[in-house]
C-alpha atoms as a PDB file:
ATOM      1  CA  UNK A   1       0.000   0.000   0.000  1.00  0.00           C
ATOM      2  CA  UNK A   2       1.310   3.476  -0.871  1.00  0.00           C
ATOM      3  CA  UNK A   3       1.749   6.408   1.501  1.00  0.00           C
ATOM      4  CA  UNK A   4      -1.091   8.247  -0.277  1.00  0.00           C
ATOM      5  CA  UNK A   5      -3.432   5.283   0.266  1.00  0.00           C
ATOM      6  CA  UNK A   6      -2.513   5.191   3.946  1.00  0.00           C
ATOM      7  CA  UNK A   7      -3.124   8.920   4.239  1.00  0.00           C
ATOM      8  CA  UNK A   8      -6.551   8.659   2.605  1.00  0.00           C
ATOM      9  CA  UNK A   9      -7.650   5.852   4.912  1.00  0.00           C
ATOM     10  CA  UNK A  10      -6.275   7.667   7.954  1.00  0.00           C
ATOM     11  CA  UNK A  11      -8.176  10.856   7.016  1.00  0.00           C
ATOM     12  CA  UNK A  12     -11.417   8.883   6.675  1.00  0.00           C
ATOM     13  CA  UNK A  13     -10.854   7.195  10.020  1.00  0.00           C
ATOM     14  CA  UNK A  14     -10.069  10.557  11.626  1.00  0.00           C
ATOM     15  CA  UNK A  15     -13.363  11.993  10.379  1.00  0.00           C
ATOM     16  CA  UNK A  16     -15.313   9.123  11.945  1.00  0.00           C
ATOM     17  CA  UNK A  17     -13.383   9.439  15.204  1.00  0.00           C
ATOM     18  CA  UNK A  18     -13.931  13.178  15.494  1.00  0.00           C
ATOM     19  CA  UNK A  19     -15.719  14.534  18.603  1.00  0.00           C
ATOM     20  CA  UNK A  20     -18.796  15.298  16.476  1.00  0.00           C
ATOM     21  CA  UNK A  21     -19.197  11.666  15.331  1.00  0.00           C
ATOM     22  CA  UNK A  22     -21.691   9.547  17.259  1.00  0.00           C
ATOM     23  CA  UNK A  23     -22.173   5.787  17.429  1.00  0.00           C
ATOM     24  CA  UNK A  24     -25.024   6.103  14.956  1.00  0.00           C
ATOM     25  CA  UNK A  25     -22.715   7.930  12.547  1.00  0.00           C
ATOM     26  CA  UNK A  26     -20.406   4.918  12.446  1.00  0.00           C
ATOM     27  CA  UNK A  27     -23.314   2.610  11.600  1.00  0.00           C
ATOM     28  CA  UNK A  28     -25.024   4.853   9.047  1.00  0.00           C
ATOM     29  CA  UNK A  29     -21.924   6.143   7.271  1.00  0.00           C
ATOM     30  CA  UNK A  30     -19.872   2.977   7.343  1.00  0.00           C
ATOM     31  CA  UNK A  31     -16.236   2.640   8.278  1.00  0.00           C
ATOM     32  CA  UNK A  32     -13.344   3.225   5.863  1.00  0.00           C
ATOM     33  CA  UNK A  33     -11.920   0.256   3.992  1.00  0.00           C
ATOM     34  CA  UNK A  34      -8.462  -0.411   2.638  1.00  0.00           C
ATOM     35  CA  UNK A  35      -7.833   0.547  -0.979  1.00  0.00           C
ATOM     36  CA  UNK A  36      -6.720  -2.924  -2.057  1.00  0.00           C
ATOM     37  CA  UNK A  37      -8.336  -4.628  -5.047  1.00  0.00           C
ATOM     38  CA  UNK A  38     -10.721  -6.909  -3.153  1.00  0.00           C
ATOM     39  CA  UNK A  39     -11.920  -4.158  -0.817  1.00  0.00           C
ATOM     40  CA  UNK A  40     -12.557  -1.835  -3.758  1.00  0.00           C
ATOM     41  CA  UNK A  41     -14.416  -4.602  -5.619  1.00  0.00           C
ATOM     42  CA  UNK A  42     -16.534  -5.304  -2.552  1.00  0.00           C
ATOM     43  CA  UNK A  43     -17.454  -1.651  -2.109  1.00  0.00           C
ATOM     44  CA  UNK A  44     -18.214  -1.056  -5.788  1.00  0.00           C
ATOM     45  CA  UNK A  45     -20.356  -4.207  -5.950  1.00  0.00           C
ATOM     46  CA  UNK A  46     -22.901  -2.424  -3.744  1.00  0.00           C
ATOM     47  CA  UNK A  47     -23.758  -0.312  -6.795  1.00  0.00           C
ATOM     48  CA  UNK A  48     -26.405  -2.409  -8.556  1.00  0.00           C
ATOM     49  CA  UNK A  49     -26.227  -2.491 -12.357  1.00  0.00           C
ATOM     50  CA  UNK A  50     -27.917  -4.069 -15.309  1.00  0.00           C
ATOM     51  CA  UNK A  51     -26.017  -6.470 -17.561  1.00  0.00           C
ATOM     52  CA  UNK A  52     -25.334  -5.876 -21.243  1.00  0.00           C
ATOM     53  CA  UNK A  53     -23.676  -7.722 -24.083  1.00  0.00           C
ATOM     54  CA  UNK A  54     -21.455  -5.508 -26.238  1.00  0.00           C
ATOM     55  CA  UNK A  55     -21.214  -7.196 -29.646  1.00  0.00           C
ATOM     56  CA  UNK A  56     -19.817  -6.562 -33.105  1.00  0.00           C
ATOM     57  CA  UNK A  57     -19.014  -8.363 -36.349  1.00  0.00           C
ATOM     58  CA  UNK A  58     -15.543  -8.081 -37.855  1.00  0.00           C
ATOM     59  CA  UNK A  59     -14.637  -9.743 -41.154  1.00  0.00           C
ATOM     60  CA  UNK A  60     -17.518 -12.176 -40.883  1.00  0.00           C
ATOM     61  CA  UNK A  61     -16.831 -13.226 -37.272  1.00  0.00           C
ATOM     62  CA  UNK A  62     -18.903 -12.177 -34.267  1.00  0.00           C
ATOM     63  CA  UNK A  63     -17.276 -10.948 -31.063  1.00  0.00           C
ATOM     64  CA  UNK A  64     -18.763  -9.849 -27.767  1.00  0.00           C
ATOM     65  CA  UNK A  65     -18.422  -9.580 -24.014  1.00  0.00           C
ATOM     66  CA  UNK A  66     -20.606  -9.046 -20.959  1.00  0.00           C
ATOM     67  CA  UNK A  67     -20.463  -5.483 -19.691  1.00  0.00           C
ATOM     68  CA  UNK A  68     -21.909  -3.875 -16.568  1.00  0.00           C
ATOM     69  CA  UNK A  69     -19.985  -0.607 -16.938  1.00  0.00           C
ATOM     70  CA  UNK A  70     -22.454   0.863 -19.422  1.00  0.00           C
ATOM     71  CA  UNK A  71     -24.354   4.135 -19.275  1.00  0.00           C
ATOM     72  CA  UNK A  72     -26.381   6.665 -21.180  1.00  0.00           C
ATOM     73  CA  UNK A  73     -24.128   9.651 -21.876  1.00  0.00           C
ATOM     74  CA  UNK A  74     -26.103  12.289 -23.777  1.00  0.00           C
ATOM     75  CA  UNK A  75     -29.598  12.920 -25.122  1.00  0.00           C
ATOM     76  CA  UNK A  76     -28.560  15.691 -27.529  1.00  0.00           C
ATOM     77  CA  UNK A  77     -26.888  14.152 -29.449  1.00  0.00           C
ATOM     78  CA  UNK A  78     -27.934  10.660 -28.331  1.00  0.00           C
ATOM     79  CA  UNK A  79     -24.816   8.921 -27.004  1.00  0.00           C
ATOM     80  CA  UNK A  80     -23.775   6.081 -24.695  1.00  0.00           C
ATOM     81  CA  UNK A  81     -20.530   4.986 -23.083  1.00  0.00           C
ATOM     82  CA  UNK A  82     -19.013   1.796 -21.746  1.00  0.00           C
ATOM     83  CA  UNK A  83     -15.693   0.753 -20.286  1.00  0.00           C
ATOM     84  CA  UNK A  84     -13.705  -2.364 -21.129  1.00  0.00           C
ATOM     85  CA  UNK A  85     -10.543  -3.894 -19.736  1.00  0.00           C
ATOM     86  CA  UNK A  86      -7.423  -3.307 -21.807  1.00  0.00           C
ATOM     87  CA  UNK A  87      -6.806  -7.054 -21.798  1.00  0.00           C
ATOM     88  CA  UNK A  88     -10.135  -7.811 -23.520  1.00  0.00           C
ATOM     89  CA  UNK A  89      -9.789 -10.020 -26.605  1.00  0.00           C
ATOM     90  CA  UNK A  90     -13.068  -8.774 -28.084  1.00  0.00           C
ATOM     91  CA  UNK A  91     -12.441  -5.043 -27.757  1.00  0.00           C
ATOM     92  CA  UNK A  92      -9.843  -4.799 -30.583  1.00  0.00           C
ATOM     93  CA  UNK A  93     -12.486  -6.142 -32.994  1.00  0.00           C
ATOM     94  CA  UNK A  94     -15.055  -3.589 -31.786  1.00  0.00           C
ATOM     95  CA  UNK A  95     -12.484  -0.840 -32.228  1.00  0.00           C
ATOM     96  CA  UNK A  96     -11.543  -2.077 -35.690  1.00  0.00           C
ATOM     97  CA  UNK A  97     -15.160  -2.343 -36.837  1.00  0.00           C
ATOM     98  CA  UNK A  98     -15.983   1.066 -35.375  1.00  0.00           C
ATOM     99  CA  UNK A  99     -19.489  -0.043 -34.444  1.00  0.00           C
ATOM    100  CA  UNK A 100     -21.241  -2.294 -31.931  1.00  0.00           C
ATOM    101  CA  UNK A 101     -24.570  -3.231 -30.413  1.00  0.00           C
ATOM    102  CA  UNK A 102     -25.598  -3.021 -26.779  1.00  0.00           C
ATOM    103  CA  UNK A 103     -27.988  -5.794 -25.753  1.00  0.00           C
ATOM    104  CA  UNK A 104     -29.552  -5.151 -22.345  1.00  0.00           C
ATOM    105  CA  UNK A 105     -30.278  -8.578 -20.892  1.00  0.00           C
ATOM    106  CA  UNK A 106     -33.662  -9.642 -19.554  1.00  0.00           C
ATOM    107  CA  UNK A 107     -33.967 -11.464 -16.241  1.00  0.00           C
ATOM    108  CA  UNK A 108     -34.275 -14.880 -17.947  1.00  0.00           C
ATOM    109  CA  UNK A 109     -30.963 -14.470 -19.820  1.00  0.00           C
ATOM    110  CA  UNK A 110     -28.557 -15.200 -16.982  1.00  0.00           C
ATOM    111  CA  UNK A 111     -27.029 -18.131 -18.893  1.00  0.00           C
ATOM    112  CA  UNK A 112     -26.195 -15.833 -21.796  1.00  0.00           C
ATOM    113  CA  UNK A 113     -24.502 -13.376 -19.448  1.00  0.00           C
ATOM    114  CA  UNK A 114     -22.454 -16.205 -17.941  1.00  0.00           C
ATOM    115  CA  UNK A 115     -21.351 -17.413 -21.393  1.00  0.00           C
ATOM    116  CA  UNK A 116     -20.227 -13.940 -22.457  1.00  0.00           C
ATOM    117  CA  UNK A 117     -18.414 -13.418 -19.163  1.00  0.00           C
ATOM    118  CA  UNK A 118     -15.967 -16.195 -20.059  1.00  0.00           C
ATOM    119  CA  UNK A 119     -12.982 -15.833 -22.360  1.00  0.00           C
ATOM    120  CA  UNK A 120     -13.390 -19.155 -24.108  1.00  0.00           C
ATOM    121  CA  UNK A 121     -16.271 -21.017 -25.694  1.00  0.00           C
ATOM    122  CA  UNK A 122     -18.740 -20.456 -28.491  1.00  0.00           C
ATOM    123  CA  UNK A 123     -20.500 -17.465 -26.983  1.00  0.00           C
ATOM    124  CA  UNK A 124     -22.967 -16.895 -29.811  1.00  0.00           C
ATOM    125  CA  UNK A 125     -24.294 -20.436 -29.562  1.00  0.00           C
ATOM    126  CA  UNK A 126     -26.185 -19.124 -26.533  1.00  0.00           C
ATOM    127  CA  UNK A 127     -29.414 -17.339 -27.435  1.00  0.00           C
ATOM    128  CA  UNK A 128     -30.927 -16.479 -30.798  1.00  0.00           C
ATOM    129  CA  UNK A 129     -29.244 -13.740 -32.807  1.00  0.00           C
ATOM    130  CA  UNK A 130     -29.839 -11.598 -35.877  1.00  0.00           C
ATOM    131  CA  UNK A 131     -27.993  -8.664 -37.513  1.00  0.00           C
ATOM    132  CA  UNK A 132     -28.741  -4.963 -37.240  1.00  0.00           C
ATOM    133  CA  UNK A 133     -28.723  -2.548 -40.158  1.00  0.00           C
ATOM    134  CA  UNK A 134     -25.169  -1.624 -39.162  1.00  0.00           C
ATOM    135  CA  UNK A 135     -24.189  -5.299 -39.197  1.00  0.00           C
ATOM    136  CA  UNK A 136     -23.985  -5.798 -35.440  1.00  0.00           C
ATOM    137  CA  UNK A 137     -25.340  -8.872 -33.603  1.00  0.00           C
ATOM    138  CA  UNK A 138     -28.743  -8.337 -31.962  1.00  0.00           C
ATOM    139  CA  UNK A 139     -30.047 -10.713 -29.310  1.00  0.00           C
ATOM    140  CA  UNK A 140     -33.659 -11.868 -29.396  1.00  0.00           C
ATOM    141  CA  UNK A 141     -35.395 -11.622 -26.036  1.00  0.00           C
ATOM    142  CA  UNK A 142     -33.293  -8.816 -24.587  1.00  0.00           C
ATOM    143  CA  UNK A 143     -35.129  -5.894 -23.005  1.00  0.00           C
ATOM    144  CA  UNK A 144     -33.399  -3.218 -25.102  1.00  0.00           C
ATOM    145  CA  UNK A 145     -30.949  -3.210 -28.011  1.00  0.00           C
ATOM    146  CA  UNK A 146     -28.944  -0.194 -29.153  1.00  0.00           C
ATOM    147  CA  UNK A 147     -27.037   0.098 -32.431  1.00  0.00           C
ATOM    148  CA  UNK A 148     -23.963   2.339 -32.090  1.00  0.00           C
ATOM    149  CA  UNK A 149     -20.909   3.767 -33.823  1.00  0.00           C
ATOM    150  CA  UNK A 150     -17.702   4.492 -31.900  1.00  0.00           C
ATOM    151  CA  UNK A 151     -16.871   8.189 -31.419  1.00  0.00           C
ATOM    152  CA  UNK A 152     -13.915   8.385 -29.019  1.00  0.00           C
ATOM    153  CA  UNK A 153     -11.752   6.123 -26.874  1.00  0.00           C
ATOM    154  CA  UNK A 154     -10.072   7.385 -23.717  1.00  0.00           C
ATOM    155  CA  UNK A 155      -7.567   5.774 -21.362  1.00  0.00           C
ATOM    156  CA  UNK A 156      -8.741   5.202 -17.803  1.00  0.00           C
ATOM    157  CA  UNK A 157      -6.319   3.189 -15.679  1.00  0.00           C
ATOM    158  CA  UNK A 158      -6.561  -0.472 -16.698  1.00  0.00           C
ATOM    159  CA  UNK A 159      -9.672   0.186 -18.838  1.00  0.00           C
ATOM    160  CA  UNK A 160     -10.654   1.930 -22.050  1.00  0.00           C
ATOM    161  CA  UNK A 161     -13.549   4.397 -21.859  1.00  0.00           C
ATOM    162  CA  UNK A 162     -15.566   4.261 -25.088  1.00  0.00           C
ATOM    163  CA  UNK A 163     -18.128   6.865 -26.193  1.00  0.00           C
ATOM    164  CA  UNK A 164     -20.488   6.209 -29.067  1.00  0.00           C
ATOM    165  CA  UNK A 165     -23.326   7.691 -31.094  1.00  0.00           C
ATOM    166  CA  UNK A 166     -26.706   5.940 -30.971  1.00  0.00           C
ATOM    167  CA  UNK A 167     -27.964   5.070 -34.465  1.00  0.00           C
ATOM    168  CA  UNK A 168     -31.115   3.142 -33.516  1.00  0.00           C
ATOM    169  CA  UNK A 169     -32.859   1.576 -30.505  1.00  0.00           C
ATOM    170  CA  UNK A 170     -35.302  -1.286 -30.029  1.00  0.00           C
ATOM    171  CA  UNK A 171     -37.290  -1.830 -26.821  1.00  0.00           C
ATOM    172  CA  UNK A 172     -39.617  -4.545 -25.493  1.00  0.00           C
ATOM    173  CA  UNK A 173     -42.414  -3.638 -23.129  1.00  0.00           C
ATOM    174  CA  UNK A 174     -42.953  -4.960 -19.598  1.00  0.00           C
ATOM    175  CA  UNK A 175     -39.706  -6.942 -19.477  1.00  0.00           C
ATOM    176  CA  UNK A 176     -37.719  -7.043 -16.251  1.00  0.00           C
ATOM    177  CA  UNK A 177     -33.956  -6.619 -16.634  1.00  0.00           C
ATOM    178  CA  UNK A 178     -31.246  -8.919 -15.340  1.00  0.00           C
ATOM    179  CA  UNK A 179     -29.393  -7.127 -12.571  1.00  0.00           C
ATOM    180  CA  UNK A 180     -26.042  -7.683 -10.872  1.00  0.00           C
ATOM    181  CA  UNK A 181     -25.346  -6.988  -7.195  1.00  0.00           C
ATOM    182  CA  UNK A 182     -22.521  -8.054  -4.876  1.00  0.00           C
ATOM    183  CA  UNK A 183     -20.954 -10.249  -7.539  1.00  0.00           C
ATOM    184  CA  UNK A 184     -24.099 -12.254  -8.271  1.00  0.00           C
ATOM    185  CA  UNK A 185     -27.294 -12.054 -10.284  1.00  0.00           C
ATOM    186  CA  UNK A 186     -30.434 -10.613  -8.721  1.00  0.00           C
ATOM    187  CA  UNK A 187     -34.036  -9.923  -9.691  1.00  0.00           C
ATOM    188  CA  UNK A 188     -36.247  -6.838  -9.684  1.00  0.00           C
ATOM    189  CA  UNK A 189     -39.017  -7.381  -7.124  1.00  0.00           C
ATOM    190  CA  UNK A 190     -40.793  -4.026  -7.640  1.00  0.00           C
ATOM    191  CA  UNK A 191     -40.360  -2.756 -11.243  1.00  0.00           C
ATOM    192  CA  UNK A 192     -40.370   0.981 -11.772  1.00  0.00           C
ATOM    193  CA  UNK A 193     -42.804   2.893 -13.964  1.00  0.00           C
ATOM    194  CA  UNK A 194     -42.038   5.188 -16.888  1.00  0.00           C
ATOM    195  CA  UNK A 195     -42.220   8.895 -16.114  1.00  0.00           C
ATOM    196  CA  UNK A 196     -45.126  10.799 -17.686  1.00  0.00           C
ATOM    197  CA  UNK A 197     -44.205  13.122 -20.545  1.00  0.00           C
ATOM    198  CA  UNK A 198     -44.720  16.108 -18.255  1.00  0.00           C
ATOM    199  CA  UNK A 199     -42.217  14.810 -15.681  1.00  0.00           C
ATOM    200  CA  UNK A 200     -38.997  14.561 -17.672  1.00  0.00           C
ATOM    201  CA  UNK A 201     -37.034  15.469 -14.553  1.00  0.00           C
ATOM    202  CA  UNK A 202     -37.688  11.950 -13.237  1.00  0.00           C
ATOM    203  CA  UNK A 203     -35.564  10.545 -16.038  1.00  0.00           C
ATOM    204  CA  UNK A 204     -32.829  13.213 -15.768  1.00  0.00           C
ATOM    205  CA  UNK A 205     -31.800  13.209 -12.097  1.00  0.00           C
ATOM    206  CA  UNK A 206     -28.599  15.169 -12.763  1.00  0.00           C
ATOM    207  CA  UNK A 207     -30.515  18.312 -13.851  1.00  0.00           C
END
């Protein structure tokens, strides 16, 4: 552990041990953790995400990987982003093709997520697939698919940060998504409802 890591942890501990901190503060805020890989993974796994398959076709071959680090980026223009490990074997083909699909998995597609989370194996033998107008693989049964073209790629530690333009979107109605929490799959017990047209702020919480 570096001196800066020690200092950060010590500052957090000092804040919790200040005269103004009560016993309830320790419970409600949570104690500081070490900044080692497993502790960081454990903390970040509290942030629940959906699961997507990022997929492309390059010289007649299909490539893809499971991705939880996916997000809407912009409405005007419509854009998305995802991150991918630099060691990914599929990413170079996405970068070369300059286009990809995002397939947001439904809750009954856990086996497909598991297949695309492995490095080896015939990933596209799982599920039923077709091709988008851009030539990207689209998964039948997913809750949402998004056809994209790569805009920019940025370096972020041991990952690449990829931004992309949205070309087209397909959406199924009343389908619960597959979600991932604490390193395992979970289910939505109380699905949300779409915001009325007059309440756009519900879908743009950063405004």
